[in-house]
Amino acid sequence: MVMNAVFFLMLILSLIALTIASPQTAFSVMLNGATDAVELALSLFAVYSVWLSVLEIMDKAGISKAINRLFSPLWKRIFKGESEKATEYISLNFSANLLGMGSAATPMGIKAMEQMSKNREKASDNMILFLVFNATSIQLIPATVIGMRAQAGAADAADIILPSLLATLLSTVSGVILAKACAKMSGILKKGLPLACR
């Protein structure tokens, strides 16, 4: 709530300053900004509608359960105590990220978070870990980046595959280790430091 008020205040003050300094620029910026915002909202709506539909079809066809069976031993070790449905969405999110399809991964990540939240007011250690896991995301084939490089006229658009795989693998492993270490430290602090550490 406080951050919303801060951002709103910043926006109003910026618009007032711009209107005073250059009124003709202020109105064109506001109109272009509104147009861009609507276009972005519509494009995101279309993308997420398509991928959520695909997710629903995969769920009905049993594909999500098959993917979950493949990755289930890993998720049970990393995300201890989570439901089967949560690990299904985590598996789908991981698979989409692995193929560099961020647009497909996002709705699945949101569904996974919903399953893990269990109406809590604060994020659990597993939710924080999943956020880190999702943000670092190992990418076997960075499809989006390859597409952008091809559009920009790169000589070999796919030569980013190995560096991308190594970088994302390193960032994911580091992120998971740090998140687990922070969760353990947080647990120790909540219980109280042992006598030897006092």
Foldseek 3Di string as FASTA:
>chain_A
DVVVVVVVVVVVVVLVVCCVVPVVVSVVVVVVVVVVVVVVVVVLVVLLVVLVVVVVVCVVVVVLVVLLVVCVVVCCVQQPPADSLLSSLLSQLLVCLQQQNNSNNVVSLVSSQVRQCPPPPDDDLSNQLSVQLNVLRQYQHNVVQLVVCVVVPPPRSRPCRVVSNVRSVVSNVVSSVVSVVVNVVVVCVVVPPDPVVD
